[in-house]
Amino acid sequence: MAANYLSKSRHGNIYFFKRRVPKRILSITNKSVLTFSLRTSDLKEARIRARRLAVQSDWLFERLTKGDVMLEKMIEKEGIRFNYGFQCEFDGEDRVLKKVSIDTEPGNQADYEAAQRAIEAIMGGIEGNPRPIHALEHIESGDKLSVAVEEYLSGIQVKPQSIRSYRTKLTHFISYFGVDRGVLTLEQRDLVEYSKKAKLDIPNPTTSNQYIKTGGSFLKWIRIRAGKGPLTTSTLTQKRTTAPYKDRDSFTTAQIKVMFEHALKYRELCPAKYWATLAVAFTGARLEEICQLNIGEDLKRTEGGIWHLDLNERPDKDGVSRKSLKKLSTERVIAIHSALVDRGFTDYLELQAKNGFTRPFESCWTPLVNDGGGDYKWNHGISKWGSKEMKSMRLAFPDLAFKKVTFFHSHRHTLTTVLATRGISEEVRAAIQGQKSGGGVNGDTYTKIRLDPALSSKVLEEHLSHYVEILESIEKTK
């Protein structure tokens, strides 16, 4: 990280070391930035000298924070200066010290002699009496990052898909620091620098925040088990400047019409493709939530006649768990819009069950099974189909800006936008779509709507009337 303290003179030929002084000791140093000439125009040499000054300034800041009175008096009298540094060369696998070079300001004989005396005192006289210099004990630097990540991923209790997500993010984390970096050598300032890299590499604030938080959680888990204090990402993530429902593009009315027209051509040829498109559009559910439904257990009807889907993680009757929600808190019931019921969606589902299929679209797409059968991805095949369909639609309708939307997930964002612009409160939207909601009174509202199909039915029936109108206009022309 010493390279981050490098800057060049205004003429661009000499490197300087510049480091901001912590606010807690500004009253002692009387300067906000430490600046020292590195007396070289060679970048490689400048980095070496900057590393020494980085370590020395770490020591200085720590001593002043702890109230080193003698050091404070010295600074008051002489100012801040670093007298000398050492550069060591080692020989052989036993790490025997071969050579020590003294780095002082040119012509400063007093500092050079002081450095020589320090070496002799420490080493007992280096000339003719080389001593082995051993690496830090394993506990001080910890495992290599690559090893520590595997330990972390095997030790945390999360879902298989979460492991895959964490691995992707931690691969980025490792690539920044290097696979051989000792995990316990990473400190708060390293996490700060990584956060800058993540924001630079990943423009989307929500996604970059996830990368930063994943790296922070990993270090916290490792450090606590090593008896060290945790690091924090609380001030490193980006704050929202827009409402959550504006994170991704939604479909325009013209785009929705094209999507429904596209789906309609599959109604007789391959009903699964037709119903998958409409089900996601009219419920706002995640594609995987719809795909993994156990038809025989999760398709339900209230006494009042409201058909609804029970989104949950309950195992099948054979005791095997083949469903997985993003979070347990997203378990909910969601009403099936009357427009879908009238067009035969519930009949389609019951026919699938009668034909021996347990999932809504299993007749067209079998699940991808990972990790020895413990992780079922029922939406794998249909997601790939949707991606291909969207590519063809972008070519067929270049004027409709399909470039910024996705085949299935943009339906979810569209429903969020529709409800938000029509004044539906955030807790109601969160309950319908299985998103996070606050506590208190809003939390109680969330819970009631999440478990009551009549309430979600009322919202969807009232505010998706334009979806029905689009469907009807298309059907009249067919």
Protein backbone atom coordinates (compact mmCIF):
# COMPACT_ATOMS: atom_id res chain seq x y z
CA MET A 1 0.00 0.00 0.00
CA ALA A 2 3.08 2.29 0.16
CA ALA A 3 2.53 3.14 -3.51
CA ASN A 4 -0.59 5.06 -2.45
CA TYR A 5 1.61 7.53 -0.57
CA LEU A 6 3.72 8.37 -3.63
CA SER A 7 3.52 11.63 -5.52
CA LYS A 8 5.84 13.49 -7.84
CA SER A 9 7.29 16.96 -7.57
CA ARG A 10 5.65 19.62 -9.70
CA HIS A 11 8.40 19.14 -12.28
CA GLY A 12 7.67 15.41 -12.32
CA ASN A 13 11.20 14.18 -11.74
CA ILE A 14 11.43 13.40 -7.99
CA TYR A 15 9.11 11.19 -5.93
CA PHE A 16 7.71 12.34 -2.60
CA PHE A 17 6.12 10.45 0.29
CA LYS A 18 2.85 12.07 1.36
CA ARG A 19 0.59 10.72 4.07
CA ARG A 20 -2.36 12.32 5.81
CA VAL A 21 -2.04 12.71 9.59
CA PRO A 22 -4.92 11.22 11.63
CA LYS A 23 -7.25 13.84 13.11
CA ARG A 24 -6.67 12.52 16.60
CA ILE A 25 -3.05 13.78 16.67
CA LEU A 26 -3.30 16.97 14.57
CA SER A 27 -2.91 19.12 17.68
CA ILE A 28 0.49 17.50 18.31
CA THR A 29 1.93 17.46 14.81
CA ASN A 30 0.56 20.85 13.75
CA LYS A 31 0.40 19.56 10.17
CA SER A 32 -2.28 17.64 8.34
CA VAL A 33 0.05 15.88 5.89
CA LEU A 34 3.52 14.36 6.28
CA THR A 35 5.67 15.14 3.25
CA PHE A 36 9.20 13.83 2.66
CA SER A 37 11.35 13.77 -0.42
CA LEU A 38 12.36 10.24 -1.42
CA ARG A 39 15.37 11.64 -3.29
CA THR A 40 14.90 9.44 -6.34
CA SER A 41 13.25 9.54 -9.75
CA ASP A 42 13.22 5.75 -9.99
CA LEU A 43 9.74 4.34 -9.25
CA LYS A 44 11.00 0.99 -7.95
CA GLU A 45 13.40 2.64 -5.51
CA ALA A 46 10.72 5.14 -4.50
CA ARG A 47 8.35 2.32 -3.56
CA ILE A 48 11.03 0.69 -1.40
CA ARG A 49 11.73 3.95 0.45
CA ALA A 50 8.03 4.71 0.75
CA ARG A 51 7.45 1.35 2.46
CA ARG A 52 9.99 2.27 5.11
CA LEU A 53 8.36 5.62 5.73
CA ALA A 54 4.93 4.00 5.82
CA VAL A 55 6.10 1.68 8.62
CA GLN A 56 7.82 4.49 10.50
CA SER A 57 4.79 6.76 10.25
CA ASP A 58 2.59 3.87 11.49
CA TRP A 59 4.84 3.68 14.56
CA LEU A 60 4.79 7.47 14.99
CA PHE A 61 0.99 7.69 14.84
CA GLU A 62 0.59 4.80 17.28
CA ARG A 63 3.04 6.26 19.83
CA LEU A 64 1.43 9.71 19.69
CA THR A 65 -2.05 8.20 20.04
CA LYS A 66 -0.90 6.36 23.17
CA GLY A 67 0.46 9.59 24.67
CA ASP A 68 4.24 9.28 24.33
CA VAL A 69 5.23 12.48 26.15
CA MET A 70 8.95 12.27 25.27
CA LEU A 71 8.15 11.93 21.60
CA GLU A 72 5.75 14.87 21.78
CA LYS A 73 8.48 17.04 23.30
CA MET A 74 10.93 15.96 20.60
CA ILE A 75 8.48 16.86 17.87
CA GLU A 76 7.77 20.20 19.52
CA LYS A 77 11.52 20.94 19.56
CA GLU A 78 12.73 19.46 16.26
CA GLY A 79 9.60 18.80 14.21
CA ILE A 80 8.86 15.46 12.58
CA ARG A 81 11.80 13.79 10.89
CA PHE A 82 12.81 10.19 10.19
CA ASN A 83 16.57 9.95 10.62
CA TYR A 84 17.54 6.75 8.86
CA GLY A 85 16.38 3.44 7.47
CA PHE A 86 17.77 -0.01 6.72
CA GLN A 87 17.65 -2.15 3.62
CA CYS A 88 18.43 -5.83 4.22
CA GLU A 89 19.47 -8.56 1.78
CA PHE A 90 19.19 -12.25 2.71
CA ASP A 91 20.96 -15.31 1.36
CA GLY A 92 19.92 -18.97 1.33
CA GLU A 93 16.82 -20.83 2.45
CA ASP A 94 17.76 -20.36 6.12
CA ARG A 95 17.33 -16.61 5.58
CA VAL A 96 20.82 -15.63 6.77
CA LEU A 97 21.40 -11.89 6.67
CA LYS A 98 23.93 -11.10 3.94
CA LYS A 99 24.01 -7.31 3.72
CA VAL A 100 22.54 -4.25 5.42
CA SER A 101 22.44 -0.87 3.68
CA ILE A 102 21.91 2.37 5.59
CA ASP A 103 19.65 5.00 4.04
CA THR A 104 20.15 8.56 5.31
CA GLU A 105 20.02 12.01 3.83
CA PRO A 106 23.13 12.71 1.74
CA GLY A 107 25.97 14.22 3.81
CA ASN A 108 24.28 13.53 7.15
CA GLN A 109 27.14 11.77 8.88
CA ALA A 110 25.55 11.95 12.31
CA ASP A 111 22.50 9.98 11.21
CA TYR A 112 24.70 7.45 9.43
CA GLU A 113 26.76 6.84 12.58
CA ALA A 114 23.61 6.57 14.68
CA ALA A 115 22.24 3.96 12.31
CA GLN A 116 25.51 2.01 12.45
CA ARG A 117 25.43 1.95 16.24
CA ALA A 118 21.81 0.74 16.16
CA ILE A 119 22.73 -2.14 13.87
CA GLU A 120 25.64 -3.18 16.04
CA ALA A 121 23.49 -3.05 19.15
CA ILE A 122 20.76 -5.14 17.63
CA MET A 123 22.88 -7.73 15.84
CA GLY A 124 25.84 -7.88 18.21
CA GLY A 125 28.17 -6.68 15.46
CA ILE A 126 27.18 -7.69 11.96
CA GLU A 127 30.72 -7.84 10.48
CA GLY A 128 31.87 -11.45 10.51
CA ASN A 129 28.98 -12.57 12.65
CA PRO A 130 25.89 -13.04 10.46
CA ARG A 131 22.77 -14.17 12.24
CA PRO A 132 19.68 -15.90 10.79
CA ILE A 133 16.61 -13.68 10.53
CA HIS A 134 13.47 -15.77 10.88
CA ALA A 135 10.16 -14.99 9.25
CA LEU A 136 7.25 -13.89 11.41
CA GLU A 137 5.50 -16.67 13.23
CA HIS A 138 2.52 -18.15 11.36
CA ILE A 139 0.05 -16.76 13.88
CA GLU A 140 1.21 -13.18 13.18
CA SER A 141 0.51 -13.20 9.45
CA GLY A 142 -2.10 -15.95 9.38
CA ASP A 143 -2.83 -18.29 6.51
CA LYS A 144 -2.44 -17.22 2.92
CA LEU A 145 -5.54 -15.50 1.65
CA SER A 146 -6.36 -18.38 -0.69
CA VAL A 147 -6.27 -20.84 2.23
CA ALA A 148 -8.19 -18.53 4.59
CA VAL A 149 -11.00 -18.06 2.07
CA GLU A 150 -11.50 -21.82 1.77
CA GLU A 151 -11.57 -22.11 5.57
CA TYR A 152 -14.18 -19.34 5.73
CA LEU A 153 -16.42 -20.80 3.02
CA SER A 154 -16.32 -24.23 4.61
CA GLY A 155 -16.98 -22.86 8.10
CA ILE A 156 -19.97 -20.57 7.57
CA GLN A 157 -23.51 -21.92 7.63
CA VAL A 158 -25.20 -20.53 4.52
CA LYS A 159 -26.99 -21.87 1.46
CA PRO A 160 -25.02 -23.36 -1.46
CA GLN A 161 -25.98 -20.51 -3.77
CA SER A 162 -24.69 -18.04 -1.18
CA ILE A 163 -21.37 -19.89 -1.12
CA ARG A 164 -21.12 -19.49 -4.88
CA SER A 165 -21.90 -15.78 -4.61
CA TYR A 166 -19.34 -15.25 -1.83
CA ARG A 167 -16.69 -17.15 -3.76
CA THR A 168 -17.11 -14.86 -6.76
CA LYS A 169 -16.75 -11.76 -4.60
CA LEU A 170 -13.81 -13.11 -2.60
CA THR A 171 -12.01 -14.07 -5.81
CA HIS A 172 -12.04 -10.36 -6.65
CA PHE A 173 -10.84 -9.60 -3.11
CA ILE A 174 -7.92 -12.04 -3.42
CA SER A 175 -6.94 -10.76 -6.86
CA TYR A 176 -6.38 -7.32 -5.35
CA PHE A 177 -4.13 -8.42 -2.46
CA GLY A 178 -2.57 -11.54 -3.96
CA VAL A 179 -3.14 -15.22 -3.09
CA ASP A 180 -0.03 -15.40 -0.89
CA ARG A 181 -0.80 -12.39 1.30
CA GLY A 182 -1.12 -13.30 4.98
CA VAL A 183 -4.73 -12.74 5.94
CA LEU A 184 -3.89 -11.29 9.37
CA THR A 185 -1.61 -8.67 7.83
CA LEU A 186 -4.67 -6.96 6.35
CA GLU A 187 -5.69 -3.97 8.44
CA GLN A 188 -8.35 -1.28 8.24
CA ARG A 189 -6.34 0.83 5.81
CA ASP A 190 -6.09 -2.17 3.46
CA LEU A 191 -9.86 -2.57 3.54
CA VAL A 192 -10.20 1.13 2.75
CA GLU A 193 -7.98 0.75 -0.32
CA TYR A 194 -9.89 -2.34 -1.46
CA SER A 195 -13.18 -0.45 -1.21
CA LYS A 196 -11.80 2.12 -3.65
CA LYS A 197 -10.82 -0.65 -6.05
CA ALA A 198 -14.25 -2.32 -5.81
CA LYS A 199 -16.03 0.96 -6.55
CA LEU A 200 -13.76 1.53 -9.54
CA ASP A 201 -14.20 -1.98 -10.98
CA ILE A 202 -17.93 -2.29 -10.25
CA PRO A 203 -19.90 0.84 -11.19
CA ASN A 204 -23.22 -0.32 -9.74
CA PRO A 205 -23.27 0.96 -6.12
CA THR A 206 -25.42 -1.88 -4.78
CA THR A 207 -23.14 -4.54 -6.28
CA SER A 208 -19.88 -2.86 -5.26
CA ASN A 209 -21.22 -2.51 -1.72
CA GLN A 210 -21.87 -6.25 -1.67
CA TYR A 211 -18.26 -6.92 -2.68
CA ILE A 212 -16.94 -4.60 0.04
CA LYS A 213 -19.20 -6.07 2.73
CA THR A 214 -18.31 -9.64 1.73
CA GLY A 215 -14.61 -8.85 2.07
CA GLY A 216 -15.24 -7.20 5.43
CA SER A 217 -17.32 -10.11 6.73
CA PHE A 218 -14.61 -12.56 5.68
CA LEU A 219 -11.90 -10.61 7.54
CA LYS A 220 -14.14 -10.23 10.60
CA TRP A 221 -14.77 -13.99 10.74
CA ILE A 222 -11.04 -14.78 10.46
CA ARG A 223 -9.82 -12.08 12.86
CA ILE A 224 -12.27 -12.92 15.63
CA ARG A 225 -11.07 -16.52 15.58
CA ALA A 226 -7.48 -15.32 15.77
CA GLY A 227 -8.21 -13.13 18.80
CA LYS A 228 -7.99 -9.87 16.87
CA GLY A 229 -10.45 -7.02 16.69
CA PRO A 230 -12.81 -6.86 13.70
CA LEU A 231 -12.51 -4.31 10.91
CA THR A 232 -15.42 -2.21 9.69
CA THR A 233 -16.98 -1.37 6.32
CA SER A 234 -19.63 0.95 7.75
CA THR A 235 -18.09 4.09 6.24
CA LEU A 236 -16.70 2.46 3.10
CA THR A 237 -19.87 1.62 1.18
CA GLN A 238 -21.68 4.01 -1.12
CA LYS A 239 -24.87 5.65 0.07
CA ARG A 240 -28.05 5.54 -1.98
CA THR A 241 -28.88 8.59 -4.08
CA THR A 242 -32.01 7.09 -5.65
CA ALA A 243 -34.90 4.93 -4.47
CA PRO A 244 -34.23 1.15 -4.52
CA TYR A 245 -36.89 0.50 -7.17
CA LYS A 246 -34.88 2.66 -9.61
CA ASP A 247 -31.78 0.43 -9.42
CA ARG A 248 -32.53 -1.34 -12.69
CA ASP A 249 -34.48 -0.49 -15.79
CA SER A 250 -38.15 -1.40 -16.02
CA PHE A 251 -40.16 -2.22 -19.12
CA THR A 252 -42.03 0.57 -20.87
CA THR A 253 -45.63 0.01 -21.89
CA ALA A 254 -44.50 -0.57 -25.47
CA GLN A 255 -41.96 -3.13 -24.33
CA ILE A 256 -44.52 -4.95 -22.19
CA LYS A 257 -46.81 -5.24 -25.19
CA VAL A 258 -44.01 -6.77 -27.25
CA MET A 259 -43.14 -9.17 -24.41
CA PHE A 260 -46.75 -10.34 -24.10
CA GLU A 261 -47.08 -10.71 -27.90
CA HIS A 262 -43.88 -12.75 -27.90
CA ALA A 263 -45.17 -14.99 -25.10
CA LEU A 264 -48.55 -15.52 -26.78
CA LYS A 265 -47.02 -17.36 -29.72
CA TYR A 266 -45.96 -20.12 -27.31
CA ARG A 267 -49.37 -20.59 -25.68
CA GLU A 268 -50.25 -23.66 -27.74
CA LEU A 269 -46.80 -24.68 -28.94
CA CYS A 270 -45.07 -24.66 -25.52
CA PRO A 271 -47.37 -23.41 -22.73
CA ALA A 272 -44.55 -23.39 -20.17
CA LYS A 273 -42.87 -20.47 -21.96
CA TYR A 274 -46.13 -18.53 -22.14
CA TRP A 275 -47.04 -19.02 -18.49
CA ALA A 276 -43.50 -18.40 -17.18
CA THR A 277 -43.50 -14.96 -18.80
CA LEU A 278 -46.96 -13.97 -17.58
CA ALA A 279 -46.56 -15.43 -14.09
CA VAL A 280 -43.45 -13.37 -13.36
CA ALA A 281 -45.03 -10.24 -14.85
CA PHE A 282 -48.29 -10.48 -12.86
CA THR A 283 -46.81 -11.58 -9.51
CA GLY A 284 -43.50 -9.71 -9.40
CA ALA A 285 -41.94 -12.86 -7.95
CA ARG A 286 -38.40 -13.94 -8.71
CA LEU A 287 -38.20 -16.46 -11.52
CA GLU A 288 -36.66 -19.12 -9.27
CA GLU A 289 -39.50 -18.67 -6.75
CA ILE A 290 -42.06 -19.55 -9.43
CA CYS A 291 -40.02 -22.36 -11.01
CA GLN A 292 -39.44 -24.27 -7.76
CA LEU A 293 -43.05 -24.30 -6.55
CA ASN A 294 -44.30 -27.75 -5.59
CA ILE A 295 -47.60 -27.72 -7.46
CA GLY A 296 -49.31 -30.31 -5.27
CA GLU A 297 -48.50 -28.44 -2.05
CA ASP A 298 -47.94 -24.78 -2.94
CA LEU A 299 -50.86 -24.05 -5.29
CA LYS A 300 -53.74 -23.10 -2.98
CA ARG A 301 -57.19 -21.52 -2.93
CA THR A 302 -58.86 -19.68 -0.06
CA GLU A 303 -62.44 -20.26 1.04
CA GLY A 304 -63.24 -17.00 -0.67
CA GLY A 305 -61.99 -18.40 -3.98
CA ILE A 306 -58.65 -16.56 -4.25
CA TRP A 307 -56.02 -18.68 -5.96
CA HIS A 308 -52.52 -18.05 -4.62
CA LEU A 309 -48.98 -19.40 -4.54
CA ASP A 310 -47.29 -20.33 -1.26
CA LEU A 311 -43.59 -19.41 -1.62
CA ASN A 312 -41.60 -21.36 0.94
CA GLU A 313 -38.59 -23.64 1.54
CA ARG A 314 -40.46 -26.62 2.92
CA PRO A 315 -39.14 -30.06 1.85
CA ASP A 316 -41.12 -32.25 -0.52
CA LYS A 317 -43.16 -35.15 0.88
CA ASP A 318 -40.15 -37.47 0.56
CA GLY A 319 -38.24 -35.27 3.01
CA VAL A 320 -35.83 -33.90 0.39
CA SER A 321 -35.45 -30.13 0.20
CA ARG A 322 -35.60 -28.99 -3.43
CA LYS A 323 -36.44 -25.33 -2.87
CA SER A 324 -34.42 -22.36 -1.73
CA LEU A 325 -35.45 -18.75 -1.22
CA LYS A 326 -33.10 -15.79 -1.26
CA LYS A 327 -33.79 -15.32 2.44
CA LEU A 328 -36.11 -17.04 4.89
CA SER A 329 -37.83 -13.70 5.46
CA THR A 330 -39.04 -13.79 1.84
CA GLU A 331 -41.45 -16.65 2.56
CA ARG A 332 -44.89 -15.36 1.63
CA VAL A 333 -48.11 -16.03 -0.25
CA ILE A 334 -48.87 -14.18 -3.47
CA ALA A 335 -52.26 -13.97 -5.13
CA ILE A 336 -52.68 -15.14 -8.72
CA HIS A 337 -54.26 -12.33 -10.74
CA SER A 338 -57.73 -13.12 -12.05
CA ALA A 339 -56.51 -12.44 -15.60
CA LEU A 340 -54.20 -15.46 -15.31
CA VAL A 341 -56.88 -17.63 -13.72
CA ASP A 342 -59.37 -16.71 -16.46
CA ARG A 343 -56.82 -17.61 -19.14
CA GLY A 344 -56.14 -21.03 -17.58
CA PHE A 345 -52.97 -20.71 -15.49
CA THR A 346 -54.31 -22.74 -12.56
CA ASP A 347 -55.73 -25.32 -14.99
CA TYR A 348 -52.30 -25.57 -16.59
CA LEU A 349 -50.64 -26.16 -13.21
CA GLU A 350 -53.12 -28.84 -12.18
CA LEU A 351 -52.64 -30.59 -15.53
CA GLN A 352 -48.87 -30.61 -14.98
CA ALA A 353 -49.38 -32.28 -11.61
CA LYS A 354 -51.79 -34.80 -13.15
CA ASN A 355 -49.13 -35.68 -15.74
CA GLY A 356 -46.62 -36.46 -13.01
CA PHE A 357 -44.67 -33.21 -12.87
CA THR A 358 -44.10 -31.59 -9.48
CA ARG A 359 -42.85 -28.19 -10.77
CA PRO A 360 -44.64 -25.67 -13.03
CA PHE A 361 -42.22 -25.85 -15.97
CA GLU A 362 -40.55 -29.20 -15.38
CA SER A 363 -42.04 -30.62 -18.59
CA CYS A 364 -39.77 -28.28 -20.59
CA TRP A 365 -36.77 -27.73 -18.31
CA THR A 366 -35.26 -30.14 -15.80
CA PRO A 367 -33.34 -28.66 -12.86
CA LEU A 368 -29.60 -28.22 -12.62
CA VAL A 369 -28.50 -30.19 -9.56
CA ASN A 370 -25.29 -29.12 -7.81
CA ASP A 371 -23.28 -30.28 -4.80
CA GLY A 372 -24.18 -33.94 -4.83
CA GLY A 373 -27.92 -33.38 -5.14
CA GLY A 374 -28.29 -30.84 -2.35
CA ASP A 375 -28.83 -27.77 -4.49
CA TYR A 376 -31.58 -27.61 -7.11
CA LYS A 377 -31.73 -24.76 -9.64
CA TRP A 378 -35.14 -25.11 -11.28
CA ASN A 379 -34.75 -21.81 -13.17
CA HIS A 380 -31.41 -22.67 -14.82
CA GLY A 381 -32.72 -23.80 -18.20
CA ILE A 382 -35.51 -21.27 -18.45
CA SER A 383 -33.14 -18.40 -17.62
CA LYS A 384 -30.90 -19.42 -20.51
CA TRP A 385 -33.92 -19.60 -22.80
CA GLY A 386 -35.02 -16.12 -21.69
CA SER A 387 -31.56 -14.67 -22.38
CA LYS A 388 -31.61 -16.05 -25.92
CA GLU A 389 -35.11 -14.73 -26.52
CA MET A 390 -34.11 -11.27 -25.32
CA LYS A 391 -31.16 -11.20 -27.75
CA SER A 392 -33.48 -11.92 -30.65
CA MET A 393 -35.94 -9.26 -29.49
CA ARG A 394 -33.19 -6.64 -29.30
CA LEU A 395 -32.41 -7.34 -32.94
CA ALA A 396 -36.06 -7.41 -33.97
CA PHE A 397 -37.01 -4.19 -32.12
CA PRO A 398 -33.95 -1.88 -32.14
CA ASP A 399 -36.08 1.20 -31.45
CA LEU A 400 -37.49 -0.11 -28.16
CA ALA A 401 -34.23 0.04 -26.15
CA PHE A 402 -34.38 -3.57 -24.98
CA LYS A 403 -30.62 -3.35 -24.37
CA LYS A 404 -31.02 -2.27 -20.73
CA VAL A 405 -33.57 -4.85 -19.62
CA THR A 406 -33.62 -8.60 -18.97
CA PHE A 407 -36.26 -11.09 -20.08
CA PHE A 408 -37.60 -12.12 -16.66
CA HIS A 409 -36.14 -9.98 -13.89
CA SER A 410 -37.13 -6.67 -15.47
CA HIS A 411 -40.78 -7.74 -15.03
CA ARG A 412 -40.12 -7.76 -11.31
CA HIS A 413 -38.65 -4.25 -11.42
CA THR A 414 -41.50 -3.08 -13.60
CA LEU A 415 -44.08 -4.18 -11.04
CA THR A 416 -42.10 -2.42 -8.30
CA THR A 417 -42.09 0.78 -10.36
CA VAL A 418 -45.79 0.53 -11.17
CA LEU A 419 -46.76 0.13 -7.52
CA ALA A 420 -44.36 2.83 -6.33
CA THR A 421 -45.56 5.43 -8.85
CA ARG A 422 -49.15 4.66 -7.89
CA GLY A 423 -48.52 5.47 -4.26
CA ILE A 424 -48.31 1.97 -2.79
CA SER A 425 -46.24 2.14 0.39
CA GLU A 426 -42.83 0.53 0.60
CA GLU A 427 -43.88 -2.04 3.23
CA VAL A 428 -46.76 -3.21 1.01
CA ARG A 429 -44.48 -3.50 -2.03
CA ALA A 430 -41.89 -5.34 0.08
CA ALA A 431 -44.48 -7.81 1.35
CA ILE A 432 -45.74 -8.64 -2.14
CA GLN A 433 -42.28 -9.03 -3.66
CA GLY A 434 -40.42 -10.58 -0.75
CA GLN A 435 -38.09 -7.71 -0.01
CA LYS A 436 -36.69 -6.34 3.23
CA SER A 437 -38.94 -4.13 5.30
CA GLY A 438 -38.47 -2.16 8.47
CA GLY A 439 -39.75 -3.03 11.93
CA GLY A 440 -42.35 -1.38 14.13
CA VAL A 441 -45.74 -0.57 12.66
CA ASN A 442 -44.43 -0.99 9.11
CA GLY A 443 -43.07 -4.40 10.04
CA ASP A 444 -46.50 -5.46 11.31
CA THR A 445 -48.10 -4.32 8.04
CA TYR A 446 -45.47 -6.27 6.11
CA THR A 447 -46.23 -9.46 8.05
CA LYS A 448 -50.00 -9.20 7.55
CA ILE A 449 -49.79 -8.66 3.79
CA ARG A 450 -47.07 -11.28 3.37
CA LEU A 451 -49.35 -13.98 4.78
CA ASP A 452 -52.76 -12.84 3.51
CA PRO A 453 -53.52 -13.53 -0.19
CA ALA A 454 -56.63 -11.34 -0.02
CA LEU A 455 -54.52 -8.26 0.65
CA SER A 456 -52.01 -8.91 -2.14
CA SER A 457 -54.90 -9.77 -4.46
CA LYS A 458 -56.54 -6.42 -3.80
CA VAL A 459 -53.35 -4.51 -4.67
CA LEU A 460 -52.54 -6.50 -7.80
CA GLU A 461 -56.09 -6.50 -9.17
CA GLU A 462 -56.41 -2.74 -8.76
CA HIS A 463 -53.03 -1.64 -10.11
CA LEU A 464 -52.35 -4.12 -12.94
CA SER A 465 -55.47 -3.31 -14.94
CA HIS A 466 -53.30 -1.87 -17.74
CA TYR A 467 -51.55 -5.26 -18.03
CA VAL A 468 -54.95 -6.85 -18.61
CA GLU A 469 -55.83 -4.21 -21.21
CA ILE A 470 -52.59 -4.94 -23.08
CA LEU A 471 -53.34 -8.67 -23.08
CA GLU A 472 -56.88 -8.12 -24.31
CA SER A 473 -55.76 -5.83 -27.14
CA ILE A 474 -53.22 -8.43 -28.29
CA GLU A 475 -55.70 -11.29 -28.10
CA LYS A 476 -58.22 -9.42 -30.23
CA THR A 477 -55.75 -9.25 -33.10
CA LYS A 478 -54.86 -12.96 -32.99
